[in-house]
Amino acid sequence: MFGIGTILSPIVNQMFLKDDSLVSNTVQIVANDDMFVNKTTQTIDLIDERRDSLKMPFLINGVIQFIFPMLLVVMFMIKKYRLSDQMIVETTIDYECKKSEHKKNLFKSSDESPRKTLILLFAVFFMFYNACEGLAFQFGPSYYQNMELRLTSSKAAGIMSVMATAYTIGRGINVLISIKIRAKHMIEYHFLIIITGFCILFFSNHSLLMVQMANIVLGFGFSALFPSMFAYIKQYIEISNSIGTVLMFSSEIVVSFTPYILATFIERYAIIFIIIESLYLMISIVIFLVIIYLIRRTTRKSVSKLLLVNNSDMS
């Protein structure tokens, strides 16, 4: 449902957006038999026209977003969901039989275990990656309208729909791929896909086809990273309510103030969108490499201790 909404939302916006090439009603000043157009008034008219045209699609999206939470409340009131004791026992038994139990033991709460460091790294990892993905969807249309290609608002919305379609299809495909490939490798190759997508986008200033290709690649690249990250974390740390809250809260920190920077400069320097996105992506990759190093180092220490204990027992 999330993917369907991500696809349909830009399409709905595209239906109501008007091309900026349309002539707006502006104040004209006649002097010395010459016709002058008041550019300030023209800009204000275009902004007001754009704002009025967006009222209806945003109202539609808002109503849809309001309906589904209300349905959840109604469902809860009609039949409250309770987890039976039998289900709890079965889940516990199944959990204890998983192979990942040994990995979780590496980062149990203890003085020697770098558990807090690992949680902090995951939090910072989410902080910058979520900003990279969220801003791509949020400010992508603004970049396409201010880049050298100067796409209209309706075409920019259409391109975002292409990206959302690739994002949704990618999630469906990656459900099957994740059966065969571990979460760590999923994250690694999707980072490579995203890097490829931004490289294509960087060189697409004069080609609409390259912009569309870049968005398809980026949409597929973003599609599996978030669920793969949680799958990777759960191998080493039990995600309690408090840890989940820390991770989700941290993921919104950077994305909350970056829009102010982009909104200030993107109309004059559209390339700042690519610069900030690349910066956040590189920071995410570096932190991910540090996480891998920390896990490997902790694993080696655990194996060394186990060997020492076995050797002492044998002697």
Protein backbone atom coordinates (compact mmCIF):
# COMPACT_ATOMS: atom_id res chain seq x y z
CA MET A 1 0.00 0.00 0.00
CA PHE A 2 2.89 2.35 0.73
CA GLY A 3 4.31 1.72 -2.73
CA ILE A 4 0.95 2.25 -4.42
CA GLY A 5 0.51 5.55 -2.60
CA THR A 6 4.04 6.62 -3.51
CA ILE A 7 3.27 6.00 -7.19
CA LEU A 8 -0.20 7.55 -7.27
CA SER A 9 0.65 10.70 -5.31
CA PRO A 10 2.88 12.29 -8.01
CA ILE A 11 0.36 11.25 -10.68
CA VAL A 12 -2.44 13.02 -8.81
CA ASN A 13 -0.27 16.12 -8.45
CA GLN A 14 0.63 16.00 -12.13
CA MET A 15 -3.04 16.14 -13.13
CA PHE A 16 -3.51 19.49 -11.37
CA LEU A 17 -0.17 21.16 -12.07
CA LYS A 18 -0.02 23.67 -14.92
CA ASP A 19 3.05 24.20 -17.06
CA ASP A 20 5.03 27.29 -16.20
CA SER A 21 5.08 28.23 -19.89
CA LEU A 22 1.46 29.38 -19.71
CA VAL A 23 1.04 33.12 -19.85
CA SER A 24 -0.12 34.52 -16.53
CA ASN A 25 -2.18 37.62 -16.00
CA THR A 26 0.35 40.29 -15.19
CA VAL A 27 0.32 44.00 -14.73
CA GLN A 28 1.53 45.73 -17.85
CA ILE A 29 2.98 49.21 -17.86
CA VAL A 30 2.90 51.30 -21.04
CA ALA A 31 5.55 54.00 -21.43
CA ASN A 32 6.85 55.71 -24.56
CA ASP A 33 4.83 53.37 -26.77
CA ASP A 34 6.77 50.35 -25.42
CA MET A 35 5.27 47.42 -23.59
CA PHE A 36 6.94 46.34 -20.35
CA VAL A 37 6.06 43.39 -18.16
CA ASN A 38 6.31 43.77 -14.42
CA LYS A 39 8.47 40.71 -13.58
CA THR A 40 7.82 40.94 -9.84
CA THR A 41 4.08 40.77 -10.37
CA GLN A 42 4.53 37.93 -12.86
CA THR A 43 6.51 35.90 -10.30
CA ILE A 44 3.87 36.50 -7.62
CA ASP A 45 1.10 35.47 -10.02
CA LEU A 46 2.94 32.25 -10.91
CA ILE A 47 3.45 31.41 -7.23
CA ASP A 48 -0.20 32.09 -6.40
CA GLU A 49 -1.32 30.06 -9.41
CA ARG A 50 0.93 27.16 -8.41
CA ARG A 51 -0.34 27.30 -4.83
CA ASP A 52 -3.99 27.30 -5.92
CA SER A 53 -3.43 24.39 -8.32
CA LEU A 54 -1.86 22.29 -5.53
CA LYS A 55 -4.70 22.73 -3.04
CA MET A 56 -6.88 19.99 -4.52
CA PRO A 57 -4.22 17.22 -4.88
CA PHE A 58 -2.91 17.88 -1.37
CA LEU A 59 -6.49 17.78 -0.07
CA ILE A 60 -7.01 14.42 -1.78
CA ASN A 61 -3.78 13.00 -0.34
CA GLY A 62 -4.63 14.37 3.10
CA VAL A 63 -8.07 12.78 3.10
CA ILE A 64 -6.60 9.41 2.07
CA GLN A 65 -3.98 9.62 4.83
CA PHE A 66 -6.72 10.45 7.34
CA ILE A 67 -9.02 7.57 6.30
CA PHE A 68 -6.66 4.66 6.94
CA PRO A 69 -5.64 5.57 10.52
CA MET A 70 -9.33 5.98 11.31
CA LEU A 71 -9.98 2.50 9.89
CA LEU A 72 -7.30 1.11 12.21
CA VAL A 73 -9.00 2.77 15.18
CA VAL A 74 -12.36 1.33 14.13
CA MET A 75 -10.84 -2.15 13.73
CA PHE A 76 -9.28 -1.90 17.20
CA MET A 77 -12.60 -0.84 18.73
CA ILE A 78 -14.55 -3.63 17.01
CA LYS A 79 -12.12 -6.41 17.89
CA LYS A 80 -9.10 -5.72 20.08
CA TYR A 81 -5.99 -7.68 19.19
CA ARG A 82 -4.37 -9.68 21.99
CA LEU A 83 -1.36 -11.98 21.83
CA SER A 84 -2.26 -15.32 23.40
CA ASP A 85 0.08 -17.12 25.80
CA GLN A 86 0.40 -20.02 23.37
CA MET A 87 1.69 -17.72 20.64
CA ILE A 88 4.21 -16.18 23.04
CA VAL A 89 5.60 -19.61 23.98
CA GLU A 90 5.83 -20.74 20.34
CA THR A 91 7.56 -17.53 19.33
CA THR A 92 10.06 -17.86 22.18
CA ILE A 93 10.90 -21.46 21.29
CA ASP A 94 11.30 -20.59 17.61
CA TYR A 95 13.49 -17.62 18.50
CA GLU A 96 15.81 -19.72 20.63
CA CYS A 97 16.29 -22.18 17.79
CA LYS A 98 17.50 -19.54 15.35
CA LYS A 99 21.14 -19.52 14.28
CA SER A 100 21.33 -15.79 14.94
CA GLU A 101 21.24 -16.40 18.71
CA HIS A 102 25.03 -16.70 18.78
CA LYS A 103 25.41 -13.36 16.99
CA LYS A 104 23.12 -11.64 19.50
CA ASN A 105 25.21 -13.02 22.36
CA LEU A 106 28.18 -11.03 21.04
CA PHE A 107 26.44 -7.76 21.91
CA LYS A 108 24.63 -8.54 25.11
CA SER A 109 24.67 -5.91 27.85
CA SER A 110 28.07 -6.19 29.52
CA ASP A 111 31.13 -4.09 30.20
CA GLU A 112 33.19 -5.88 27.54
CA SER A 113 30.54 -5.82 24.81
CA PRO A 114 30.48 -2.69 22.56
CA ARG A 115 26.68 -2.82 22.55
CA LYS A 116 26.10 0.90 23.12
CA THR A 117 28.69 1.80 20.49
CA LEU A 118 26.95 -0.45 17.96
CA ILE A 119 23.53 1.04 18.74
CA LEU A 120 24.98 4.56 18.41
CA LEU A 121 26.55 3.71 15.04
CA PHE A 122 23.28 2.25 13.77
CA ALA A 123 21.45 5.39 14.92
CA VAL A 124 23.87 7.70 13.08
CA PHE A 125 23.70 5.37 10.08
CA PHE A 126 19.92 5.71 9.96
CA MET A 127 20.24 9.46 10.53
CA PHE A 128 22.15 10.12 7.31
CA TYR A 129 20.73 7.38 5.11
CA ASN A 130 17.12 8.33 5.83
CA ALA A 131 18.01 11.93 4.96
CA CYS A 132 19.49 10.77 1.65
CA GLU A 133 16.44 8.72 0.69
CA GLY A 134 13.82 11.15 2.02
CA LEU A 135 15.31 14.22 0.37
CA ALA A 136 15.53 12.41 -2.96
CA PHE A 137 11.74 12.06 -2.96
CA GLN A 138 11.08 15.42 -1.32
CA PHE A 139 13.35 17.73 -3.34
CA GLY A 140 13.73 15.72 -6.54
CA PRO A 141 10.99 17.72 -8.35
CA SER A 142 12.58 21.03 -7.29
CA TYR A 143 15.95 19.92 -8.66
CA TYR A 144 14.47 18.86 -12.01
CA GLN A 145 12.74 22.22 -12.39
CA ASN A 146 15.92 24.21 -11.59
CA MET A 147 18.56 22.10 -13.35
CA GLU A 148 19.78 23.11 -16.82
CA LEU A 149 17.09 20.97 -18.45
CA ARG A 150 14.42 23.18 -16.76
CA LEU A 151 11.58 20.67 -16.68
CA THR A 152 8.05 21.87 -16.03
CA SER A 153 6.38 21.05 -12.73
CA SER A 154 4.08 18.46 -14.32
CA LYS A 155 7.02 16.65 -15.99
CA ALA A 156 8.97 16.72 -12.71
CA ALA A 157 6.00 15.11 -10.94
CA GLY A 158 5.85 12.48 -13.68
CA ILE A 159 9.53 11.64 -13.18
CA MET A 160 8.96 11.19 -9.45
CA SER A 161 6.17 8.75 -10.31
CA VAL A 162 8.72 6.79 -12.40
CA MET A 163 11.08 6.69 -9.41
CA ALA A 164 8.25 5.61 -7.08
CA THR A 165 7.27 2.82 -9.51
CA ALA A 166 10.83 1.50 -9.58
CA TYR A 167 10.91 1.78 -5.77
CA THR A 168 7.74 -0.29 -5.38
CA ILE A 169 8.65 -2.93 -7.97
CA GLY A 170 12.12 -3.15 -6.44
CA ARG A 171 10.67 -3.97 -3.02
CA GLY A 172 8.65 -6.80 -4.53
CA ILE A 173 11.68 -8.19 -6.39
CA ASN A 174 13.93 -7.89 -3.35
CA VAL A 175 11.54 -9.99 -1.28
CA LEU A 176 12.54 -12.92 -3.49
CA ILE A 177 16.22 -11.92 -3.67
CA SER A 178 16.48 -11.65 0.12
CA ILE A 179 15.68 -15.37 0.40
CA LYS A 180 18.99 -16.18 -1.28
CA ILE A 181 21.17 -13.20 -0.28
CA ARG A 182 22.11 -12.10 3.24
CA ALA A 183 21.09 -8.67 4.51
CA LYS A 184 24.70 -7.45 4.60
CA HIS A 185 25.22 -8.21 0.91
CA MET A 186 21.84 -6.66 0.06
CA ILE A 187 22.96 -3.40 1.66
CA GLU A 188 26.31 -3.49 -0.13
CA TYR A 189 25.03 -3.97 -3.65
CA HIS A 190 22.16 -1.53 -3.20
CA PHE A 191 24.65 1.13 -2.13
CA LEU A 192 26.49 0.49 -5.42
CA ILE A 193 23.21 0.86 -7.33
CA ILE A 194 22.47 4.20 -5.62
CA ILE A 195 25.97 5.49 -6.40
CA THR A 196 25.41 4.53 -10.05
CA GLY A 197 22.07 6.35 -10.04
CA PHE A 198 23.55 9.60 -8.72
CA CYS A 199 26.40 9.40 -11.26
CA ILE A 200 23.85 9.13 -14.08
CA LEU A 201 21.84 11.99 -12.60
CA PHE A 202 24.95 14.18 -12.37
CA PHE A 203 25.56 13.87 -16.13
CA SER A 204 21.89 14.21 -17.15
CA ASN A 205 21.62 18.01 -17.28
CA HIS A 206 20.69 17.99 -20.97
CA SER A 207 18.93 14.65 -21.38
CA LEU A 208 15.42 13.79 -20.20
CA LEU A 209 16.06 10.12 -20.97
CA MET A 210 19.08 10.05 -18.65
CA VAL A 211 17.04 11.74 -15.90
CA GLN A 212 14.41 9.01 -16.22
CA MET A 213 17.08 6.28 -16.22
CA ALA A 214 18.70 7.79 -13.12
CA ASN A 215 15.38 7.80 -11.28
CA ILE A 216 14.69 4.17 -12.18
CA VAL A 217 18.13 3.17 -10.86
CA LEU A 218 17.74 5.29 -7.71
CA GLY A 219 14.23 3.99 -7.05
CA PHE A 220 15.43 0.39 -7.23
CA GLY A 221 18.51 1.20 -5.15
CA PHE A 222 16.50 2.82 -2.34
CA SER A 223 13.86 0.06 -2.36
CA ALA A 224 15.59 -2.55 -0.20
CA LEU A 225 17.99 -0.63 2.03
CA PHE A 226 15.67 0.30 4.89
CA PRO A 227 14.24 -3.23 5.48
CA SER A 228 17.70 -4.77 4.90
CA MET A 229 19.19 -2.50 7.56
CA PHE A 230 16.67 -3.65 10.17
CA ALA A 231 17.25 -7.28 9.18
CA TYR A 232 20.98 -6.75 9.59
CA ILE A 233 20.60 -5.05 12.98
CA LYS A 234 18.36 -7.82 14.32
CA GLN A 235 21.12 -10.34 13.73
CA TYR A 236 23.22 -8.71 16.45
CA ILE A 237 20.88 -6.69 18.66
CA GLU A 238 17.44 -7.42 20.00
CA ILE A 239 15.36 -4.41 18.93
CA SER A 240 13.32 -3.48 21.99
CA ASN A 241 10.81 -0.64 22.11
CA SER A 242 13.42 1.74 23.51
CA ILE A 243 16.05 0.86 20.90
CA GLY A 244 13.49 1.09 18.10
CA THR A 245 12.46 4.53 19.36
CA VAL A 246 16.08 5.72 19.41
CA LEU A 247 16.66 4.49 15.86
CA MET A 248 13.47 6.03 14.44
CA PHE A 249 13.98 9.33 16.29
CA SER A 250 17.57 9.63 15.08
CA SER A 251 16.52 8.88 11.50
CA GLU A 252 14.50 12.11 11.42
CA ILE A 253 17.13 14.48 12.86
CA VAL A 254 19.14 15.36 9.73
CA VAL A 255 16.14 15.25 7.40
CA SER A 256 14.35 17.79 9.62
CA PHE A 257 16.76 20.71 9.05
CA THR A 258 18.30 19.96 5.63
CA PRO A 259 15.20 21.18 3.72
CA TYR A 260 15.92 24.71 5.00
CA ILE A 261 19.35 24.58 3.34
CA LEU A 262 18.04 23.16 0.08
CA ALA A 263 15.08 25.54 -0.08
CA THR A 264 17.44 28.50 0.31
CA PHE A 265 19.92 27.60 -2.45
CA ILE A 266 18.32 25.11 -4.86
CA GLU A 267 16.77 27.75 -7.15
CA ARG A 268 20.11 29.50 -7.68
CA TYR A 269 22.44 26.51 -7.34
CA ALA A 270 20.56 23.36 -8.29
CA ILE A 271 23.73 21.27 -8.01
CA ILE A 272 23.56 21.60 -4.22
CA PHE A 273 20.92 18.85 -4.31
CA ILE A 274 23.44 16.39 -5.80
CA ILE A 275 26.19 17.59 -3.44
CA ILE A 276 24.14 17.11 -0.25
CA GLU A 277 22.71 13.78 -1.40
CA SER A 278 26.20 12.49 -2.27
CA LEU A 279 27.58 13.73 1.06
CA TYR A 280 24.90 11.95 3.10
CA LEU A 281 25.34 8.80 1.02
CA MET A 282 29.11 8.75 1.55
CA ILE A 283 28.71 9.30 5.30
CA SER A 284 26.23 6.40 5.44
CA ILE A 285 28.65 4.11 3.59
CA VAL A 286 31.58 5.05 5.86
CA ILE A 287 29.51 4.38 8.99
CA PHE A 288 28.35 1.07 7.53
CA LEU A 289 31.99 0.05 7.00
CA VAL A 290 32.78 1.00 10.61
CA ILE A 291 29.85 -1.17 11.77
CA ILE A 292 31.19 -4.13 9.77
CA TYR A 293 34.65 -3.61 11.27
CA LEU A 294 33.26 -3.46 14.82
CA ILE A 295 31.23 -6.64 14.34
CA ARG A 296 34.21 -8.52 12.87
CA ARG A 297 36.52 -7.37 15.66
CA THR A 298 34.02 -8.42 18.34
CA THR A 299 33.55 -11.79 16.62
CA ARG A 300 37.32 -12.40 16.55
CA LYS A 301 37.61 -11.58 20.26
CA SER A 302 34.75 -13.95 21.05
CA VAL A 303 36.36 -16.78 19.06
CA SER A 304 39.73 -16.15 20.74
CA LYS A 305 38.15 -16.31 24.21
CA LEU A 306 36.33 -19.50 23.26
CA LEU A 307 39.57 -21.11 22.08
CA LEU A 308 41.36 -20.10 25.29
CA VAL A 309 38.57 -21.63 27.40
CA ASN A 310 38.67 -24.87 25.39
CA ASN A 311 42.46 -25.08 25.66
CA SER A 312 42.34 -24.54 29.42
CA ASP A 313 39.69 -27.22 29.80
CA MET A 314 41.75 -29.70 27.80
CA SER A 315 44.85 -28.99 29.88
